[in-house]
Amino acid sequence: MTRILIVDSNGPGLPALGPGFAAVLQKLSGSITCSLCAPYLGQALPDEVFDGVVFTGSAVAWCVDAPEGQALRDIWRQVTRWQVPIWGSCNGMQLAAFMLGGICAASPRGDEEGLAEAITLTDIGREHPMMQGRASQFRVPCVHRDEVQRLPNGAVLLAGNAHSPVQAFAYETADISFWGTQYHPEFSRADVATWLADRGKSLPDSEEQDGQGDLALATRTLELQNWLAHVTSRQRTTGAK
């Protein structure tokens, strides 16, 4: 059994993201158990041992470097000591970039909402295990205001688009294994529509619907499938924890 901790990065008054993320992971693999932690709600880390950690997106009003983000940054410091693979979606990727020495801020091009269009793999991205199965150019659900504006030293850029040059990156050292995306492979089109509706916005028109093309579960979750394979590979290498 693979044990995953999901760090729900939403705050008070915002919809919980952890349960939905857990449901997607468990659709992808029947051998996963998930535990949840919500730092902005005052929840401490569970007293368990995990094989991987997920940091979800977030709708909080602050960037990951703001004083209000201290609780989430504290959790990052704790889980990186475990030396297990970490995944970050959207705010989770921004958190990793900042904590590893990069810079994050609001995108000068405004919000990117609905479907992130024309995400293009870099040369390294075409070969990286995180992006295996991806076409050279693709679209995926997204909702974000902030973005990574400078990668940390040692990070590998895997994909970008005209809105946000950093749409996916990886960072690997002897102590930290991080993969993340600015977009949301865990979100369906309906998830994005609900998220936007909660913020008084609507999803831009698109001919593509859930279960079709790039939005089919097997396609939009490719990075997560690859990450789970990475987690289980590490389990085989290091032994059960």
Foldseek 3Di string as FASTA:
>chain_A
DAEEEEEFAEAPPADTDVVLLVVLLCVLDVPYDYDYAYQNHVGDDDPDQHLEYEYEAYDDPDACVDPSNVSVLVVVVVVLQNLHEYEYEASGVSNVQVVLPFDKDFFPVFWDFQKDFFKAFDPVLCVDLLNPPDDRTDIAGATDGMATPTGHPQKAATIADPRYGRQWIWHDDSRYTYTYGNGDLSDASVNRQVNQVVVVHGHDDDPDHACDDCNNNCRSCSSVSSVVVVSVVVCVVPPDD
